[in-house]
Amino acid sequence: MFENLPWYSYIILLVAVGSYVFRYFKIGKKEYDAPDMTEAKFRKSSDSTLDQEQLFALAFYTPIAEWWEANTNTLSFLTAKKVKPYLEGWGMDTPAGYWSLAEYFMKDGRRWYFDFIQTMIEKEPQEQWERIMEQKFENNERAHRYLEWLSSGKTLNILKQKGILTFDSELELGVAGYDAAMLVGQARKAYTGNLISEEEAWKVINFAKGLALEYFSSWEDFGKSFIIGFALDMKADYNTYKEEVYHLYKQVQENPNSPWNTIDWPR
């Protein structure tokens, strides 16, 4: 097919092939030499005046706060400019929007999905699931995702493969840890975005602390509940973000400088 090409076409072809090979190996090497995923830093502000009880509650959100590169010991969360896209994305960029979401997580949160669906899977025949789901959730996309990932064992298997969970029975911890963490993170961001006062932020955070203490007696159990909720709640197209948070979560569990290892769980 090349025998009738003019002589200069061969030069153009060779240049093109050489350029492709150079770019392939250059980019490939760059990807190979790329650093590992984010390393947790557990940043602290020297100006913090928070007490141990406050630091304990803020620590619920640590794996995601590390992804944001936020301080571990301040109520403020980066800057109003940086949290604005998050507030808008969650529909909480007004005081009314924030309080609507906060009250939802305080009252039901993702516990509403998990507790009902996991109980249904355990106690009801599979042929009844569709009818029960329709009555309870109608066409709610999140509810049907929870059903798919819980009934198939997908979430459990992924977390076991990553060494985050060990036993099937750990699913019984539920997702209250995730709800508590989300309440803390959202309150910090809403405060930073000037949507709520400092007093209001601590009111929500203290509620989250009470929720966590009601359900858990250790950072280990809290953390597993957090990561179960996180894994279920993030859509499949958030896989890169999920992998980064999984990576950070393990560091939060294991690093001796992590708030989960420097702040005792109340007894």
C-alpha atoms as a PDB file:
ATOM      1  CA  MET A   1       0.000   0.000   0.000  1.00  0.00           C
ATOM      2  CA  PHE A   2       3.036   2.289   0.417  1.00  0.00           C
ATOM      3  CA  GLU A   3       4.898   1.498  -2.835  1.00  0.00           C
ATOM      4  CA  ASN A   4       3.372   4.361  -4.843  1.00  0.00           C
ATOM      5  CA  LEU A   5       3.889   7.121  -2.267  1.00  0.00           C
ATOM      6  CA  PRO A   6       6.284   9.991  -3.122  1.00  0.00           C
ATOM      7  CA  TRP A   7       9.669   9.875  -1.362  1.00  0.00           C
ATOM      8  CA  TYR A   8       8.865  12.686   1.082  1.00  0.00           C
ATOM      9  CA  SER A   9       5.819  10.768   2.371  1.00  0.00           C
ATOM     10  CA  TYR A  10       8.168   8.213   3.900  1.00  0.00           C
ATOM     11  CA  ILE A  11       9.963  10.962   5.791  1.00  0.00           C
ATOM     12  CA  ILE A  12       6.658  12.338   7.099  1.00  0.00           C
ATOM     13  CA  LEU A  13       5.592   8.819   8.106  1.00  0.00           C
ATOM     14  CA  LEU A  14       8.878   8.157   9.930  1.00  0.00           C
ATOM     15  CA  VAL A  15       8.645  11.482  11.777  1.00  0.00           C
ATOM     16  CA  ALA A  16       5.060  10.715  12.816  1.00  0.00           C
ATOM     17  CA  VAL A  17       5.959   7.231  14.067  1.00  0.00           C
ATOM     18  CA  GLY A  18       9.018   8.556  15.899  1.00  0.00           C
ATOM     19  CA  SER A  19       6.946  11.285  17.531  1.00  0.00           C
ATOM     20  CA  TYR A  20       4.346   8.754  18.656  1.00  0.00           C
ATOM     21  CA  VAL A  21       6.971   6.414  20.121  1.00  0.00           C
ATOM     22  CA  PHE A  22       8.670   9.302  21.944  1.00  0.00           C
ATOM     23  CA  ARG A  23       5.391  10.559  23.385  1.00  0.00           C
ATOM     24  CA  TYR A  24       4.277   7.061  24.339  1.00  0.00           C
ATOM     25  CA  PHE A  25       7.396   6.249  26.324  1.00  0.00           C
ATOM     26  CA  LYS A  26       7.691   9.728  27.795  1.00  0.00           C
ATOM     27  CA  ILE A  27       4.094   9.755  29.033  1.00  0.00           C
ATOM     28  CA  GLY A  28       4.289   6.124  30.066  1.00  0.00           C
ATOM     29  CA  LYS A  29       7.411   6.759  32.118  1.00  0.00           C
ATOM     30  CA  LYS A  30       5.845   9.841  33.668  1.00  0.00           C
ATOM     31  CA  GLU A  31       2.820   7.792  34.744  1.00  0.00           C
ATOM     32  CA  TYR A  32       5.047   4.991  36.010  1.00  0.00           C
ATOM     33  CA  ASP A  33       7.150   7.421  38.010  1.00  0.00           C
ATOM     34  CA  ALA A  34       4.093   9.321  39.293  1.00  0.00           C
ATOM     35  CA  PRO A  35       3.876   9.526  43.081  1.00  0.00           C
ATOM     36  CA  ASP A  36       1.439   7.416  45.038  1.00  0.00           C
ATOM     37  CA  MET A  37      -1.947   8.751  46.024  1.00  0.00           C
ATOM     38  CA  THR A  38      -2.278  11.579  48.498  1.00  0.00           C
ATOM     39  CA  GLU A  39      -0.317  11.278  51.717  1.00  0.00           C
ATOM     40  CA  ALA A  40      -2.214  12.312  54.828  1.00  0.00           C
ATOM     41  CA  LYS A  41      -0.594  15.302  56.540  1.00  0.00           C
ATOM     42  CA  PHE A  42      -2.924  15.885  59.511  1.00  0.00           C
ATOM     43  CA  ARG A  43      -2.400  19.628  59.253  1.00  0.00           C
ATOM     44  CA  LYS A  44      -2.771  21.781  62.344  1.00  0.00           C
ATOM     45  CA  SER A  45      -3.153  25.498  62.827  1.00  0.00           C
ATOM     46  CA  SER A  46      -0.966  27.072  65.484  1.00  0.00           C
ATOM     47  CA  ASP A  47      -3.842  29.423  66.344  1.00  0.00           C
ATOM     48  CA  SER A  48      -6.299  26.713  67.427  1.00  0.00           C
ATOM     49  CA  THR A  49      -7.962  27.117  70.815  1.00  0.00           C
ATOM     50  CA  LEU A  50     -10.285  24.099  70.607  1.00  0.00           C
ATOM     51  CA  ASP A  51     -10.566  21.677  73.528  1.00  0.00           C
ATOM     52  CA  GLN A  52     -10.333  17.879  73.342  1.00  0.00           C
ATOM     53  CA  GLU A  53     -14.093  17.354  73.082  1.00  0.00           C
ATOM     54  CA  GLN A  54     -14.283  19.694  70.108  1.00  0.00           C
ATOM     55  CA  LEU A  55     -11.270  18.106  68.439  1.00  0.00           C
ATOM     56  CA  PHE A  56     -12.799  14.668  68.973  1.00  0.00           C
ATOM     57  CA  ALA A  57     -15.960  15.656  67.102  1.00  0.00           C
ATOM     58  CA  LEU A  58     -14.077  17.360  64.263  1.00  0.00           C
ATOM     59  CA  ALA A  59     -12.059  14.176  63.785  1.00  0.00           C
ATOM     60  CA  PHE A  60     -15.097  12.291  62.437  1.00  0.00           C
ATOM     61  CA  TYR A  61     -14.560  13.891  59.025  1.00  0.00           C
ATOM     62  CA  THR A  62     -10.798  13.298  58.918  1.00  0.00           C
ATOM     63  CA  PRO A  63     -10.531  11.012  55.833  1.00  0.00           C
ATOM     64  CA  ILE A  64     -12.417  13.471  53.621  1.00  0.00           C
ATOM     65  CA  ALA A  65     -10.852  16.519  55.302  1.00  0.00           C
ATOM     66  CA  GLU A  66      -7.454  15.081  54.345  1.00  0.00           C
ATOM     67  CA  TRP A  67      -8.585  14.884  50.730  1.00  0.00           C
ATOM     68  CA  TRP A  68      -9.439  18.600  50.970  1.00  0.00           C
ATOM     69  CA  GLU A  69      -6.088  19.309  52.714  1.00  0.00           C
ATOM     70  CA  ALA A  70      -7.916  21.039  55.563  1.00  0.00           C
ATOM     71  CA  ASN A  71      -6.709  21.584  59.122  1.00  0.00           C
ATOM     72  CA  THR A  72      -7.683  19.019  61.736  1.00  0.00           C
ATOM     73  CA  ASN A  73      -7.947  21.474  64.643  1.00  0.00           C
ATOM     74  CA  THR A  74     -10.033  24.415  63.405  1.00  0.00           C
ATOM     75  CA  LEU A  75     -13.727  24.931  62.908  1.00  0.00           C
ATOM     76  CA  SER A  76     -13.017  26.884  59.723  1.00  0.00           C
ATOM     77  CA  PHE A  77     -12.497  24.746  56.629  1.00  0.00           C
ATOM     78  CA  LEU A  78     -10.097  26.228  54.036  1.00  0.00           C
ATOM     79  CA  THR A  79     -11.718  29.422  52.674  1.00  0.00           C
ATOM     80  CA  ALA A  80     -15.200  30.531  51.659  1.00  0.00           C
ATOM     81  CA  LYS A  81     -14.066  30.646  48.020  1.00  0.00           C
ATOM     82  CA  LYS A  82     -12.778  27.078  48.052  1.00  0.00           C
ATOM     83  CA  VAL A  83     -15.858  25.579  49.702  1.00  0.00           C
ATOM     84  CA  LYS A  84     -18.326  27.489  47.522  1.00  0.00           C
ATOM     85  CA  PRO A  85     -18.517  24.816  44.747  1.00  0.00           C
ATOM     86  CA  TYR A  86     -19.214  22.146  47.386  1.00  0.00           C
ATOM     87  CA  LEU A  87     -21.964  24.216  48.974  1.00  0.00           C
ATOM     88  CA  GLU A  88     -23.531  24.836  45.574  1.00  0.00           C
ATOM     89  CA  GLY A  89     -23.236  21.198  44.526  1.00  0.00           C
ATOM     90  CA  TRP A  90     -25.063  20.026  47.621  1.00  0.00           C
ATOM     91  CA  GLY A  91     -27.709  22.754  47.339  1.00  0.00           C
ATOM     92  CA  MET A  92     -26.626  24.208  50.669  1.00  0.00           C
ATOM     93  CA  ASP A  93     -25.308  27.579  49.478  1.00  0.00           C
ATOM     94  CA  THR A  94     -28.026  29.459  51.393  1.00  0.00           C
ATOM     95  CA  PRO A  95     -28.864  29.253  55.098  1.00  0.00           C
ATOM     96  CA  ALA A  96     -32.204  27.607  54.252  1.00  0.00           C
ATOM     97  CA  GLY A  97     -30.504  25.092  51.970  1.00  0.00           C
ATOM     98  CA  TYR A  98     -27.918  24.236  54.594  1.00  0.00           C
ATOM     99  CA  TRP A  99     -30.448  23.737  57.389  1.00  0.00           C
ATOM    100  CA  SER A 100     -32.662  21.588  55.192  1.00  0.00           C
ATOM    101  CA  LEU A 101     -29.746  19.230  54.545  1.00  0.00           C
ATOM    102  CA  ALA A 102     -28.489  19.320  58.132  1.00  0.00           C
ATOM    103  CA  GLU A 103     -31.907  18.453  59.517  1.00  0.00           C
ATOM    104  CA  TYR A 104     -32.172  15.589  57.030  1.00  0.00           C
ATOM    105  CA  PHE A 105     -28.849  14.091  58.162  1.00  0.00           C
ATOM    106  CA  MET A 106     -29.764  14.638  61.811  1.00  0.00           C
ATOM    107  CA  LYS A 107     -33.148  12.962  61.524  1.00  0.00           C
ATOM    108  CA  ASP A 108     -32.604  10.161  58.993  1.00  0.00           C
ATOM    109  CA  GLY A 109     -29.533  10.612  56.817  1.00  0.00           C
ATOM    110  CA  ARG A 110     -28.259   7.645  54.891  1.00  0.00           C
ATOM    111  CA  ARG A 111     -29.389   5.496  57.822  1.00  0.00           C
ATOM    112  CA  TRP A 112     -32.851   5.731  56.292  1.00  0.00           C
ATOM    113  CA  TYR A 113     -31.664   3.839  53.213  1.00  0.00           C
ATOM    114  CA  PHE A 114     -29.242   1.405  54.769  1.00  0.00           C
ATOM    115  CA  ASP A 115     -31.256   0.254  57.780  1.00  0.00           C
ATOM    116  CA  PHE A 116     -34.425  -0.378  55.820  1.00  0.00           C
ATOM    117  CA  ILE A 117     -32.796  -2.020  52.802  1.00  0.00           C
ATOM    118  CA  GLN A 118     -30.372  -4.234  54.727  1.00  0.00           C
ATOM    119  CA  THR A 119     -33.210  -5.455  56.965  1.00  0.00           C
ATOM    120  CA  MET A 120     -35.355  -6.139  53.904  1.00  0.00           C
ATOM    121  CA  ILE A 121     -32.568  -8.182  52.277  1.00  0.00           C
ATOM    122  CA  GLU A 122     -32.122 -10.245  55.436  1.00  0.00           C
ATOM    123  CA  LYS A 123     -35.780 -10.859  56.231  1.00  0.00           C
ATOM    124  CA  GLU A 124     -37.892 -10.650  53.073  1.00  0.00           C
ATOM    125  CA  PRO A 125     -37.954 -13.058  50.089  1.00  0.00           C
ATOM    126  CA  GLN A 126     -36.221 -11.633  47.056  1.00  0.00           C
ATOM    127  CA  GLU A 127     -39.349 -11.783  44.923  1.00  0.00           C
ATOM    128  CA  GLN A 128     -40.909  -9.198  47.252  1.00  0.00           C
ATOM    129  CA  TRP A 129     -38.069  -6.669  47.077  1.00  0.00           C
ATOM    130  CA  GLU A 130     -39.264  -4.791  44.012  1.00  0.00           C
ATOM    131  CA  ARG A 131     -42.720  -4.230  45.475  1.00  0.00           C
ATOM    132  CA  ILE A 132     -41.350  -3.179  48.863  1.00  0.00           C
ATOM    133  CA  MET A 133     -38.821  -0.800  47.306  1.00  0.00           C
ATOM    134  CA  GLU A 134     -41.484   0.786  45.128  1.00  0.00           C
ATOM    135  CA  GLN A 135     -43.717   1.389  48.136  1.00  0.00           C
ATOM    136  CA  LYS A 136     -40.929   2.821  50.264  1.00  0.00           C
ATOM    137  CA  PHE A 137     -38.686   4.678  47.818  1.00  0.00           C
ATOM    138  CA  GLU A 138     -40.527   4.840  44.479  1.00  0.00           C
ATOM    139  CA  ASN A 139     -37.882   5.695  41.821  1.00  0.00           C
ATOM    140  CA  ASN A 140     -35.227   6.990  44.210  1.00  0.00           C
ATOM    141  CA  GLU A 141     -31.903   6.327  42.444  1.00  0.00           C
ATOM    142  CA  ARG A 142     -29.820   6.236  45.617  1.00  0.00           C
ATOM    143  CA  ALA A 143     -32.123   3.685  47.247  1.00  0.00           C
ATOM    144  CA  HIS A 144     -31.892   1.348  44.272  1.00  0.00           C
ATOM    145  CA  ARG A 145     -28.111   1.711  44.192  1.00  0.00           C
ATOM    146  CA  TYR A 146     -27.945   0.747  47.853  1.00  0.00           C
ATOM    147  CA  LEU A 147     -30.096  -2.308  47.108  1.00  0.00           C
ATOM    148  CA  GLU A 148     -27.927  -3.369  44.177  1.00  0.00           C
ATOM    149  CA  TRP A 149     -24.620  -2.955  46.000  1.00  0.00           C
ATOM    150  CA  LEU A 150     -25.803  -4.503  49.263  1.00  0.00           C
ATOM    151  CA  SER A 151     -27.690  -7.460  47.786  1.00  0.00           C
ATOM    152  CA  SER A 152     -24.858  -8.329  45.387  1.00  0.00           C
ATOM    153  CA  GLY A 153     -22.177  -7.986  48.050  1.00  0.00           C
ATOM    154  CA  LYS A 154     -20.317  -5.557  45.790  1.00  0.00           C
ATOM    155  CA  THR A 155     -19.526  -2.963  48.441  1.00  0.00           C
ATOM    156  CA  LEU A 156     -18.582  -5.555  51.042  1.00  0.00           C
ATOM    157  CA  ASN A 157     -16.297  -7.398  48.620  1.00  0.00           C
ATOM    158  CA  ILE A 158     -14.512  -4.236  47.502  1.00  0.00           C
ATOM    159  CA  LEU A 159     -13.833  -3.160  51.081  1.00  0.00           C
ATOM    160  CA  LYS A 160     -12.621  -6.664  51.995  1.00  0.00           C
ATOM    161  CA  GLN A 161     -10.336  -6.806  48.955  1.00  0.00           C
ATOM    162  CA  LYS A 162      -8.779  -3.512  50.022  1.00  0.00           C
ATOM    163  CA  GLY A 163      -8.196  -4.808  53.534  1.00  0.00           C
ATOM    164  CA  ILE A 164     -10.563  -2.233  55.032  1.00  0.00           C
ATOM    165  CA  LEU A 165     -13.119  -4.764  56.269  1.00  0.00           C
ATOM    166  CA  THR A 166     -12.454  -8.344  57.315  1.00  0.00           C
ATOM    167  CA  PHE A 167     -15.777  -9.992  58.125  1.00  0.00           C
ATOM    168  CA  ASP A 168     -19.211  -9.963  56.492  1.00  0.00           C
ATOM    169  CA  SER A 169     -20.695  -9.273  59.917  1.00  0.00           C
ATOM    170  CA  GLU A 170     -19.072  -5.821  59.960  1.00  0.00           C
ATOM    171  CA  LEU A 171     -21.890  -4.601  57.750  1.00  0.00           C
ATOM    172  CA  GLU A 172     -23.986  -4.702  60.909  1.00  0.00           C
ATOM    173  CA  LEU A 173     -22.184  -1.516  62.008  1.00  0.00           C
ATOM    174  CA  GLY A 174     -24.412   0.383  59.571  1.00  0.00           C
ATOM    175  CA  VAL A 175     -23.733   3.882  58.282  1.00  0.00           C
ATOM    176  CA  ALA A 176     -24.353   6.155  61.288  1.00  0.00           C
ATOM    177  CA  GLY A 177     -20.623   6.917  61.296  1.00  0.00           C
ATOM    178  CA  TYR A 178     -20.906   8.297  57.786  1.00  0.00           C
ATOM    179  CA  ASP A 179     -23.908  10.446  58.738  1.00  0.00           C
ATOM    180  CA  ALA A 180     -22.044  11.858  61.750  1.00  0.00           C
ATOM    181  CA  ALA A 181     -19.007  12.645  59.612  1.00  0.00           C
ATOM    182  CA  MET A 182     -21.108  14.376  56.963  1.00  0.00           C
ATOM    183  CA  LEU A 183     -22.807  16.532  59.593  1.00  0.00           C
ATOM    184  CA  VAL A 184     -19.408  17.662  60.852  1.00  0.00           C
ATOM    185  CA  GLY A 185     -17.980  18.356  57.401  1.00  0.00           C
ATOM    186  CA  GLN A 186     -21.027  20.223  56.174  1.00  0.00           C
ATOM    187  CA  ALA A 187     -21.221  22.343  59.349  1.00  0.00           C
ATOM    188  CA  ARG A 188     -17.560  23.321  58.992  1.00  0.00           C
ATOM    189  CA  LYS A 189     -18.037  24.303  55.368  1.00  0.00           C
ATOM    190  CA  ALA A 190     -21.277  26.180  56.013  1.00  0.00           C
ATOM    191  CA  TYR A 191     -19.573  28.118  58.812  1.00  0.00           C
ATOM    192  CA  THR A 192     -16.618  28.902  56.548  1.00  0.00           C
ATOM    193  CA  GLY A 193     -19.035  30.026  53.827  1.00  0.00           C
ATOM    194  CA  ASN A 194     -20.721  32.427  56.291  1.00  0.00           C
ATOM    195  CA  LEU A 195     -24.046  30.588  56.153  1.00  0.00           C
ATOM    196  CA  ILE A 196     -24.225  29.765  59.852  1.00  0.00           C
ATOM    197  CA  SER A 197     -22.744  31.161  63.037  1.00  0.00           C
ATOM    198  CA  GLU A 198     -20.047  29.521  65.132  1.00  0.00           C
ATOM    199  CA  GLU A 199     -22.649  28.681  67.769  1.00  0.00           C
ATOM    200  CA  GLU A 200     -24.908  27.043  65.174  1.00  0.00           C
ATOM    201  CA  ALA A 201     -22.010  25.055  63.738  1.00  0.00           C
ATOM    202  CA  TRP A 202     -21.119  23.634  67.148  1.00  0.00           C
ATOM    203  CA  LYS A 203     -24.756  22.794  67.796  1.00  0.00           C
ATOM    204  CA  VAL A 204     -24.776  20.541  64.736  1.00  0.00           C
ATOM    205  CA  ILE A 205     -21.333  19.117  65.455  1.00  0.00           C
ATOM    206  CA  ASN A 206     -22.338  18.279  69.018  1.00  0.00           C
ATOM    207  CA  PHE A 207     -25.402  16.481  67.661  1.00  0.00           C
ATOM    208  CA  ALA A 208     -23.059  14.460  65.423  1.00  0.00           C
ATOM    209  CA  LYS A 209     -20.933  13.656  68.460  1.00  0.00           C
ATOM    210  CA  GLY A 210     -23.983  12.376  70.322  1.00  0.00           C
ATOM    211  CA  LEU A 211     -24.985  10.268  67.314  1.00  0.00           C
ATOM    212  CA  ALA A 212     -21.535   8.690  67.097  1.00  0.00           C
ATOM    213  CA  LEU A 213     -21.383   7.971  70.824  1.00  0.00           C
ATOM    214  CA  GLU A 214     -24.836   6.390  70.698  1.00  0.00           C
ATOM    215  CA  TYR A 215     -23.798   3.907  68.025  1.00  0.00           C
ATOM    216  CA  PHE A 216     -20.079   3.259  68.615  1.00  0.00           C
ATOM    217  CA  SER A 217     -17.569   2.641  71.376  1.00  0.00           C
ATOM    218  CA  SER A 218     -14.304   2.892  69.420  1.00  0.00           C
ATOM    219  CA  TRP A 219     -12.658   4.649  66.510  1.00  0.00           C
ATOM    220  CA  GLU A 220     -12.348   1.271  64.806  1.00  0.00           C
ATOM    221  CA  ASP A 221     -16.094   0.656  64.689  1.00  0.00           C
ATOM    222  CA  PHE A 222     -16.863   4.272  63.888  1.00  0.00           C
ATOM    223  CA  GLY A 223     -14.359   4.232  61.046  1.00  0.00           C
ATOM    224  CA  LYS A 224     -15.742   1.066  59.493  1.00  0.00           C
ATOM    225  CA  SER A 225     -19.258   2.511  59.612  1.00  0.00           C
ATOM    226  CA  PHE A 226     -17.978   5.688  57.985  1.00  0.00           C
ATOM    227  CA  ILE A 227     -16.288   3.839  55.124  1.00  0.00           C
ATOM    228  CA  ILE A 228     -19.302   1.555  54.521  1.00  0.00           C
ATOM    229  CA  GLY A 229     -21.529   4.615  54.172  1.00  0.00           C
ATOM    230  CA  PHE A 230     -19.004   6.399  51.982  1.00  0.00           C
ATOM    231  CA  ALA A 231     -18.601   3.398  49.669  1.00  0.00           C
ATOM    232  CA  LEU A 232     -22.354   3.020  49.252  1.00  0.00           C
ATOM    233  CA  ASP A 233     -23.091   6.703  48.829  1.00  0.00           C
ATOM    234  CA  MET A 234     -20.621   7.573  46.080  1.00  0.00           C
ATOM    235  CA  LYS A 235     -21.740   6.784  42.533  1.00  0.00           C
ATOM    236  CA  ALA A 236     -19.669   4.490  40.328  1.00  0.00           C
ATOM    237  CA  ASP A 237     -18.425   7.435  38.243  1.00  0.00           C
ATOM    238  CA  TYR A 238     -16.698   8.811  41.381  1.00  0.00           C
ATOM    239  CA  ASN A 239     -14.235   5.910  41.357  1.00  0.00           C
ATOM    240  CA  THR A 240     -11.071   8.036  41.335  1.00  0.00           C
ATOM    241  CA  TYR A 241     -12.280  10.043  44.318  1.00  0.00           C
ATOM    242  CA  LYS A 242     -13.356   6.854  46.088  1.00  0.00           C
ATOM    243  CA  GLU A 243      -9.943   5.258  45.600  1.00  0.00           C
ATOM    244  CA  GLU A 244      -8.230   8.343  47.012  1.00  0.00           C
ATOM    245  CA  VAL A 245     -10.459   8.398  50.080  1.00  0.00           C
ATOM    246  CA  TYR A 246      -9.947   4.653  50.627  1.00  0.00           C
ATOM    247  CA  HIS A 247      -6.205   5.296  50.532  1.00  0.00           C
ATOM    248  CA  LEU A 248      -6.501   8.194  52.983  1.00  0.00           C
ATOM    249  CA  TYR A 249      -8.847   6.232  55.235  1.00  0.00           C
ATOM    250  CA  LYS A 250      -6.247   3.520  55.776  1.00  0.00           C
ATOM    251  CA  GLN A 251      -3.692   6.173  56.721  1.00  0.00           C
ATOM    252  CA  VAL A 252      -6.152   7.763  59.148  1.00  0.00           C
ATOM    253  CA  GLN A 253      -6.587   4.341  60.733  1.00  0.00           C
ATOM    254  CA  GLU A 254      -2.913   3.437  60.898  1.00  0.00           C
ATOM    255  CA  ASN A 255      -0.802   6.601  61.133  1.00  0.00           C
ATOM    256  CA  PRO A 256       0.222   7.351  64.740  1.00  0.00           C
ATOM    257  CA  ASN A 257      -0.214  11.088  64.061  1.00  0.00           C
ATOM    258  CA  SER A 258      -3.849  10.670  62.991  1.00  0.00           C
ATOM    259  CA  PRO A 259      -6.522  12.223  65.220  1.00  0.00           C
ATOM    260  CA  TRP A 260      -8.026   8.734  65.390  1.00  0.00           C
ATOM    261  CA  ASN A 261      -4.849   7.608  67.151  1.00  0.00           C
ATOM    262  CA  THR A 262      -4.068  10.703  69.201  1.00  0.00           C
ATOM    263  CA  ILE A 263      -7.575  11.453  70.538  1.00  0.00           C
ATOM    264  CA  ASP A 264      -9.128   8.819  72.760  1.00  0.00           C
ATOM    265  CA  TRP A 265     -12.651   7.609  72.160  1.00  0.00           C
ATOM    266  CA  PRO A 266     -14.656   8.524  75.307  1.00  0.00           C
ATOM    267  CA  ARG A 267     -15.329   5.624  77.636  1.00  0.00           C
END
